[in-house]
Amino acid sequence: MSTAEEISALLVSNFGTDPLVIAPEVPLHQLRLDSLALEELRLLIEDRMGVDLEDVQLTSRDTLGRLVETIHGKVAA
């Protein structure tokens, strides 16, 4: 499963996000993720993918594509 697919699965299963609206260019605020939900998503990603995102600041203006790129950068480091 790709990183984007993993994140999509987390969004659908934990936040009830409609899979049809999930796309790389979609800002996180359009998925109705507030600051608390973003923190929860960060922790879920860390747990599921085994990557440390402690120093990553997610905002609702970030896109799913940027989140995927950030994770790839952390995994490659």
PDB file of N, CA and C in Angstrom:
ATOM      1  N   MET A   1       0.855  -1.177   0.000  1.00  0.00           N
ATOM      2  CA  MET A   1       0.000   0.000   0.000  1.00  0.00           C
ATOM      3  C   MET A   1       0.901   1.240   0.000  1.00  0.00           C
ATOM      4  N   SER A   2       0.590   2.205  -0.847  1.00  0.00           N
ATOM      5  CA  SER A   2       1.391   3.425  -0.927  1.00  0.00           C
ATOM      6  C   SER A   2       1.119   4.335   0.273  1.00  0.00           C
ATOM      7  N   THR A   3       1.970   5.314   0.448  1.00  0.00           N
ATOM      8  CA  THR A   3       1.791   6.276   1.542  1.00  0.00           C
ATOM      9  C   THR A   3       0.459   6.993   1.407  1.00  0.00           C
ATOM     10  N   ALA A   4       0.122   7.424   0.212  1.00  0.00           N
ATOM     11  CA  ALA A   4      -1.145   8.121  -0.015  1.00  0.00           C
ATOM     12  C   ALA A   4      -2.333   7.219   0.318  1.00  0.00           C
ATOM     13  N   GLU A   5      -2.228   5.953  -0.040  1.00  0.00           N
ATOM     14  CA  GLU A   5      -3.307   5.008   0.263  1.00  0.00           C
ATOM     15  C   GLU A   5      -3.427   4.768   1.765  1.00  0.00           C
ATOM     16  N   GLU A   6      -2.283   4.702   2.450  1.00  0.00           N
ATOM     17  CA  GLU A   6      -2.291   4.532   3.916  1.00  0.00           C
ATOM     18  C   GLU A   6      -2.994   5.716   4.589  1.00  0.00           C
ATOM     19  N   ILE A   7      -2.642   6.931   4.156  1.00  0.00           N
ATOM     20  CA  ILE A   7      -3.245   8.131   4.735  1.00  0.00           C
ATOM     21  C   ILE A   7      -4.739   8.177   4.418  1.00  0.00           C
ATOM     22  N   SER A   8      -5.088   7.841   3.202  1.00  0.00           N
ATOM     23  CA  SER A   8      -6.505   7.800   2.828  1.00  0.00           C
ATOM     24  C   SER A   8      -7.273   6.824   3.709  1.00  0.00           C
ATOM     25  N   ALA A   9      -6.704   5.654   3.935  1.00  0.00           N
ATOM     26  CA  ALA A   9      -7.359   4.660   4.793  1.00  0.00           C
ATOM     27  C   ALA A   9      -7.545   5.183   6.210  1.00  0.00           C
ATOM     28  N   LEU A  10      -6.529   5.885   6.732  1.00  0.00           N
ATOM     29  CA  LEU A  10      -6.643   6.467   8.068  1.00  0.00           C
ATOM     30  C   LEU A  10      -7.737   7.527   8.107  1.00  0.00           C
ATOM     31  N   LEU A  11      -7.801   8.362   7.079  1.00  0.00           N
ATOM     32  CA  LEU A  11      -8.811   9.419   7.035  1.00  0.00           C
ATOM     33  C   LEU A  11     -10.219   8.843   6.993  1.00  0.00           C
ATOM     34  N   VAL A  12     -10.412   7.811   6.204  1.00  0.00           N
ATOM     35  CA  VAL A  12     -11.734   7.198   6.072  1.00  0.00           C
ATOM     36  C   VAL A  12     -12.126   6.475   7.356  1.00  0.00           C
ATOM     37  N   SER A  13     -11.213   5.669   7.897  1.00  0.00           N
ATOM     38  CA  SER A  13     -11.567   4.843   9.053  1.00  0.00           C
ATOM     39  C   SER A  13     -11.633   5.611  10.369  1.00  0.00           C
ATOM     40  N   ASN A  14     -10.810   6.642  10.532  1.00  0.00           N
ATOM     41  CA  ASN A  14     -10.758   7.340  11.820  1.00  0.00           C
ATOM     42  C   ASN A  14     -11.507   8.667  11.853  1.00  0.00           C
ATOM     43  N   PHE A  15     -11.715   9.278  10.687  1.00  0.00           N
ATOM     44  CA  PHE A  15     -12.338  10.600  10.664  1.00  0.00           C
ATOM     45  C   PHE A  15     -13.605  10.639   9.818  1.00  0.00           C
ATOM     46  N   GLY A  16     -13.981   9.520   9.229  1.00  0.00           N
ATOM     47  CA  GLY A  16     -15.199   9.451   8.437  1.00  0.00           C
ATOM     48  C   GLY A  16     -15.138  10.269   7.154  1.00  0.00           C
ATOM     49  N   THR A  17     -13.933  10.476   6.637  1.00  0.00           N
ATOM     50  CA  THR A  17     -13.758  11.264   5.424  1.00  0.00           C
ATOM     51  C   THR A  17     -14.301  10.489   4.224  1.00  0.00           C
ATOM     52  N   ASP A  18     -15.006  11.198   3.363  1.00  0.00           N
ATOM     53  CA  ASP A  18     -15.526  10.609   2.129  1.00  0.00           C
ATOM     54  C   ASP A  18     -14.352  10.296   1.201  1.00  0.00           C
ATOM     55  N   PRO A  19     -14.159   9.044   0.815  1.00  0.00           N
ATOM     56  CA  PRO A  19     -13.019   8.690  -0.039  1.00  0.00           C
ATOM     57  C   PRO A  19     -13.011   9.421  -1.378  1.00  0.00           C
ATOM     58  N   LEU A  20     -14.170   9.872  -1.828  1.00  0.00           N
ATOM     59  CA  LEU A  20     -14.248  10.551  -3.123  1.00  0.00           C
ATOM     60  C   LEU A  20     -13.650  11.954  -3.100  1.00  0.00           C
ATOM     61  N   VAL A  21     -13.478  12.543  -1.918  1.00  0.00           N
ATOM     62  CA  VAL A  21     -12.910  13.901  -1.840  1.00  0.00           C
ATOM     63  C   VAL A  21     -11.414  13.890  -1.537  1.00  0.00           C
ATOM     64  N   ILE A  22     -10.857  12.721  -1.320  1.00  0.00           N
ATOM     65  CA  ILE A  22      -9.433  12.627  -0.987  1.00  0.00           C
ATOM     66  C   ILE A  22      -8.606  12.678  -2.270  1.00  0.00           C
ATOM     67  N   ALA A  23      -7.764  13.721  -2.364  1.00  0.00           N
ATOM     68  CA  ALA A  23      -6.890  13.915  -3.525  1.00  0.00           C
ATOM     69  C   ALA A  23      -5.666  14.698  -3.073  1.00  0.00           C
ATOM     70  N   PRO A  24      -4.532  14.563  -3.782  1.00  0.00           N
ATOM     71  CA  PRO A  24      -3.295  15.222  -3.361  1.00  0.00           C
ATOM     72  C   PRO A  24      -3.395  16.746  -3.226  1.00  0.00           C
ATOM     73  N   GLU A  25      -4.211  17.383  -4.051  1.00  0.00           N
ATOM     74  CA  GLU A  25      -4.291  18.844  -4.038  1.00  0.00           C
ATOM     75  C   GLU A  25      -5.294  19.405  -3.030  1.00  0.00           C
ATOM     76  N   VAL A  26      -5.976  18.537  -2.308  1.00  0.00           N
ATOM     77  CA  VAL A  26      -7.006  18.972  -1.359  1.00  0.00           C
ATOM     78  C   VAL A  26      -6.373  19.446  -0.061  1.00  0.00           C
ATOM     79  N   PRO A  27      -6.655  20.707   0.337  1.00  0.00           N
ATOM     80  CA  PRO A  27      -6.171  21.180   1.643  1.00  0.00           C
ATOM     81  C   PRO A  27      -6.870  20.405   2.763  1.00  0.00           C
ATOM     82  N   LEU A  28      -6.158  20.198   3.836  1.00  0.00           N
ATOM     83  CA  LEU A  28      -6.693  19.412   4.947  1.00  0.00           C
ATOM     84  C   LEU A  28      -7.946  20.034   5.551  1.00  0.00           C
ATOM     85  N   HIS A  29      -8.065  21.365   5.493  1.00  0.00           N
ATOM     86  CA  HIS A  29      -9.267  22.001   6.064  1.00  0.00           C
ATOM     87  C   HIS A  29     -10.523  21.612   5.283  1.00  0.00           C
ATOM     88  N   GLN A  30     -10.384  21.284   3.998  1.00  0.00           N
ATOM     89  CA  GLN A  30     -11.547  20.855   3.222  1.00  0.00           C
ATOM     90  C   GLN A  30     -12.010  19.456   3.625  1.00  0.00           C
ATOM     91  N   LEU A  31     -11.160  18.750   4.345  1.00  0.00           N
ATOM     92  CA  LEU A  31     -11.531  17.437   4.862  1.00  0.00           C
ATOM     93  C   LEU A  31     -12.073  17.540   6.284  1.00  0.00           C
ATOM     94  N   ARG A  32     -12.284  18.783   6.721  1.00  0.00           N
ATOM     95  CA  ARG A  32     -12.843  19.085   8.048  1.00  0.00           C
ATOM     96  C   ARG A  32     -11.945  18.599   9.184  1.00  0.00           C
ATOM     97  N   LEU A  33     -10.624  18.772   8.986  1.00  0.00           N
ATOM     98  CA  LEU A  33      -9.667  18.410  10.031  1.00  0.00           C
ATOM     99  C   LEU A  33      -9.220  19.677  10.758  1.00  0.00           C
ATOM    100  N   ASP A  34      -9.597  19.790  12.022  1.00  0.00           N
ATOM    101  CA  ASP A  34      -9.151  20.925  12.828  1.00  0.00           C
ATOM    102  C   ASP A  34      -7.800  20.588  13.458  1.00  0.00           C
ATOM    103  N   SER A  35      -7.287  21.468  14.285  1.00  0.00           N
ATOM    104  CA  SER A  35      -5.947  21.280  14.845  1.00  0.00           C
ATOM    105  C   SER A  35      -5.861  20.006  15.688  1.00  0.00           C
ATOM    106  N   LEU A  36      -6.893  19.688  16.431  1.00  0.00           N
ATOM    107  CA  LEU A  36      -6.893  18.466  17.236  1.00  0.00           C
ATOM    108  C   LEU A  36      -6.895  17.225  16.338  1.00  0.00           C
ATOM    109  N   ALA A  37      -7.701  17.251  15.285  1.00  0.00           N
ATOM    110  CA  ALA A  37      -7.749  16.131  14.353  1.00  0.00           C
ATOM    111  C   ALA A  37      -6.414  15.972  13.621  1.00  0.00           C
ATOM    112  N   LEU A  38      -5.759  17.082  13.307  1.00  0.00           N
ATOM    113  CA  LEU A  38      -4.451  17.011  12.646  1.00  0.00           C
ATOM    114  C   LEU A  38      -3.415  16.354  13.553  1.00  0.00           C
ATOM    115  N   GLU A  39      -3.463  16.677  14.830  1.00  0.00           N
ATOM    116  CA  GLU A  39      -2.537  16.057  15.783  1.00  0.00           C
ATOM    117  C   GLU A  39      -2.825  14.565  15.897  1.00  0.00           C
ATOM    118  N   GLU A  40      -4.093  14.205  15.948  1.00  0.00           N
ATOM    119  CA  GLU A  40      -4.462  12.792  16.008  1.00  0.00           C
ATOM    120  C   GLU A  40      -3.995  12.063  14.744  1.00  0.00           C
ATOM    121  N   LEU A  41      -4.167  12.706  13.577  1.00  0.00           N
ATOM    122  CA  LEU A  41      -3.717  12.106  12.323  1.00  0.00           C
ATOM    123  C   LEU A  41      -2.206  11.901  12.338  1.00  0.00           C
ATOM    124  N   ARG A  42      -1.474  12.885  12.834  1.00  0.00           N
ATOM    125  CA  ARG A  42      -0.016  12.773  12.920  1.00  0.00           C
ATOM    126  C   ARG A  42       0.377  11.556  13.756  1.00  0.00           C
ATOM    127  N   LEU A  43      -0.262  11.383  14.898  1.00  0.00           N
ATOM    128  CA  LEU A  43       0.038  10.250  15.778  1.00  0.00           C
ATOM    129  C   LEU A  43      -0.339   8.912  15.131  1.00  0.00           C
ATOM    130  N   LEU A  44      -1.454   8.889  14.430  1.00  0.00           N
ATOM    131  CA  LEU A  44      -1.867   7.662  13.745  1.00  0.00           C
ATOM    132  C   LEU A  44      -0.870   7.290  12.648  1.00  0.00           C
ATOM    133  N   ILE A  45      -0.393   8.295  11.915  1.00  0.00           N
ATOM    134  CA  ILE A  45       0.598   8.049  10.862  1.00  0.00           C
ATOM    135  C   ILE A  45       1.887   7.517  11.475  1.00  0.00           C
ATOM    136  N   GLU A  46       2.329   8.136  12.568  1.00  0.00           N
ATOM    137  CA  GLU A  46       3.550   7.672  13.236  1.00  0.00           C
ATOM    138  C   GLU A  46       3.417   6.215  13.642  1.00  0.00           C
ATOM    139  N   ASP A  47       2.278   5.878  14.233  1.00  0.00           N
ATOM    140  CA  ASP A  47       2.057   4.517  14.714  1.00  0.00           C
ATOM    141  C   ASP A  47       1.965   3.516  13.566  1.00  0.00           C
ATOM    142  N   ARG A  48       1.212   3.846  12.561  1.00  0.00           N
ATOM    143  CA  ARG A  48       0.964   2.914  11.461  1.00  0.00           C
ATOM    144  C   ARG A  48       2.162   2.759  10.528  1.00  0.00           C
ATOM    145  N   MET A  49       2.895   3.860  10.315  1.00  0.00           N
ATOM    146  CA  MET A  49       3.960   3.831   9.318  1.00  0.00           C
ATOM    147  C   MET A  49       5.355   3.808   9.926  1.00  0.00           C
ATOM    148  N   GLY A  50       5.446   3.923  11.244  1.00  0.00           N
ATOM    149  CA  GLY A  50       6.738   3.847  11.908  1.00  0.00           C
ATOM    150  C   GLY A  50       7.680   4.987  11.564  1.00  0.00           C
ATOM    151  N   VAL A  51       7.126   6.179  11.403  1.00  0.00           N
ATOM    152  CA  VAL A  51       7.930   7.356  11.065  1.00  0.00           C
ATOM    153  C   VAL A  51       7.732   8.408  12.154  1.00  0.00           C
ATOM    154  N   ASP A  52       8.799   9.125  12.490  1.00  0.00           N
ATOM    155  CA  ASP A  52       8.737  10.150  13.528  1.00  0.00           C
ATOM    156  C   ASP A  52       8.388  11.493  12.898  1.00  0.00           C
ATOM    157  N   LEU A  53       7.220  12.015  13.223  1.00  0.00           N
ATOM    158  CA  LEU A  53       6.767  13.301  12.697  1.00  0.00           C
ATOM    159  C   LEU A  53       6.698  14.364  13.790  1.00  0.00           C
ATOM    160  N   GLU A  54       7.426  14.141  14.880  1.00  0.00           N
ATOM    161  CA  GLU A  54       7.383  15.045  16.035  1.00  0.00           C
ATOM    162  C   GLU A  54       7.668  16.489  15.652  1.00  0.00           C
ATOM    163  N   ASP A  55       8.614  16.707  14.751  1.00  0.00           N
ATOM    164  CA  ASP A  55       9.001  18.065  14.386  1.00  0.00           C
ATOM    165  C   ASP A  55       8.230  18.615  13.188  1.00  0.00           C
ATOM    166  N   VAL A  56       7.232  17.898  12.710  1.00  0.00           N
ATOM    167  CA  VAL A  56       6.429  18.338  11.567  1.00  0.00           C
ATOM    168  C   VAL A  56       5.230  19.126  12.078  1.00  0.00           C
ATOM    169  N   GLN A  57       5.067  20.331  11.559  1.00  0.00           N
ATOM    170  CA  GLN A  57       3.933  21.169  11.925  1.00  0.00           C
ATOM    171  C   GLN A  57       2.879  21.093  10.830  1.00  0.00           C
ATOM    172  N   LEU A  58       1.833  20.333  11.060  1.00  0.00           N
ATOM    173  CA  LEU A  58       0.736  20.258  10.104  1.00  0.00           C
ATOM    174  C   LEU A  58      -0.235  21.392  10.352  1.00  0.00           C
ATOM    175  N   THR A  59      -0.671  22.029   9.282  1.00  0.00           N
ATOM    176  CA  THR A  59      -1.714  23.036   9.398  1.00  0.00           C
ATOM    177  C   THR A  59      -2.856  22.645   8.468  1.00  0.00           C
ATOM    178  N   SER A  60      -3.997  23.230   8.692  1.00  0.00           N
ATOM    179  CA  SER A  60      -5.161  22.907   7.866  1.00  0.00           C
ATOM    180  C   SER A  60      -4.998  23.408   6.438  1.00  0.00           C
ATOM    181  N   ARG A  61      -4.021  24.280   6.199  1.00  0.00           N
ATOM    182  CA  ARG A  61      -3.767  24.772   4.841  1.00  0.00           C
ATOM    183  C   ARG A  61      -2.883  23.821   4.038  1.00  0.00           C
ATOM    184  N   ASP A  62      -2.196  22.911   4.713  1.00  0.00           N
ATOM    185  CA  ASP A  62      -1.378  21.932   4.010  1.00  0.00           C
ATOM    186  C   ASP A  62      -2.275  21.024   3.177  1.00  0.00           C
ATOM    187  N   THR A  63      -1.710  20.496   2.108  1.00  0.00           N
ATOM    188  CA  THR A  63      -2.460  19.569   1.261  1.00  0.00           C
ATOM    189  C   THR A  63      -2.055  18.136   1.588  1.00  0.00           C
ATOM    190  N   LEU A  64      -2.862  17.213   1.143  1.00  0.00           N
ATOM    191  CA  LEU A  64      -2.514  15.804   1.311  1.00  0.00           C
ATOM    192  C   LEU A  64      -1.212  15.484   0.585  1.00  0.00           C
ATOM    193  N   GLY A  65      -1.016  16.094  -0.563  1.00  0.00           N
ATOM    194  CA  GLY A  65       0.216  15.880  -1.315  1.00  0.00           C
ATOM    195  C   GLY A  65       1.442  16.307  -0.531  1.00  0.00           C
ATOM    196  N   ARG A  66       1.358  17.458   0.152  1.00  0.00           N
ATOM    197  CA  ARG A  66       2.480  17.931   0.961  1.00  0.00           C
ATOM    198  C   ARG A  66       2.733  16.990   2.121  1.00  0.00           C
ATOM    199  N   LEU A  67       1.671  16.486   2.727  1.00  0.00           N
ATOM    200  CA  LEU A  67       1.809  15.539   3.822  1.00  0.00           C
ATOM    201  C   LEU A  67       2.532  14.270   3.359  1.00  0.00           C
ATOM    202  N   VAL A  68       2.157  13.767   2.203  1.00  0.00           N
ATOM    203  CA  VAL A  68       2.798  12.564   1.645  1.00  0.00           C
ATOM    204  C   VAL A  68       4.279  12.860   1.380  1.00  0.00           C
ATOM    205  N   GLU A  69       4.592  14.020   0.790  1.00  0.00           N
ATOM    206  CA  GLU A  69       5.986  14.393   0.510  1.00  0.00           C
ATOM    207  C   GLU A  69       6.800  14.484   1.803  1.00  0.00           C
ATOM    208  N   THR A  70       6.197  15.045   2.835  1.00  0.00           N
ATOM    209  CA  THR A  70       6.866  15.163   4.123  1.00  0.00           C
ATOM    210  C   THR A  70       7.198  13.786   4.698  1.00  0.00           C
ATOM    211  N   ILE A  71       6.251  12.885   4.613  1.00  0.00           N
ATOM    212  CA  ILE A  71       6.473  11.525   5.120  1.00  0.00           C
ATOM    213  C   ILE A  71       7.575  10.843   4.320  1.00  0.00           C
ATOM    214  N   HIS A  72       7.556  10.987   3.014  1.00  0.00           N
ATOM    215  CA  HIS A  72       8.600  10.390   2.183  1.00  0.00           C
ATOM    216  C   HIS A  72       9.958  10.937   2.549  1.00  0.00           C
ATOM    217  N   GLY A  73      10.028  12.256   2.828  1.00  0.00           N
ATOM    218  CA  GLY A  73      11.292  12.862   3.242  1.00  0.00           C
ATOM    219  C   GLY A  73      11.793  12.307   4.565  1.00  0.00           C
ATOM    220  N   LYS A  74      10.886  12.054   5.488  1.00  0.00           N
ATOM    221  CA  LYS A  74      11.271  11.498   6.789  1.00  0.00           C
ATOM    222  C   LYS A  74      11.721  10.047   6.654  1.00  0.00           C
ATOM    223  N   VAL A  75      11.051   9.285   5.816  1.00  0.00           N
ATOM    224  CA  VAL A  75      11.407   7.882   5.633  1.00  0.00           C
ATOM    225  C   VAL A  75      12.773   7.773   4.965  1.00  0.00           C
ATOM    226  N   ALA A  76      13.045   8.666   4.017  1.00  0.00           N
ATOM    227  CA  ALA A  76      14.326   8.631   3.292  1.00  0.00           C
ATOM    228  C   ALA A  76      15.491   9.099   4.143  1.00  0.00           C
ATOM    229  N   ALA A  77      15.207   9.901   5.178  1.00  0.00           N
ATOM    230  CA  ALA A  77      16.278  10.463   6.009  1.00  0.00           C
ATOM    231  C   ALA A  77      16.913   9.429   6.908  1.00  0.00           C
TER     232      ALA A  77
END
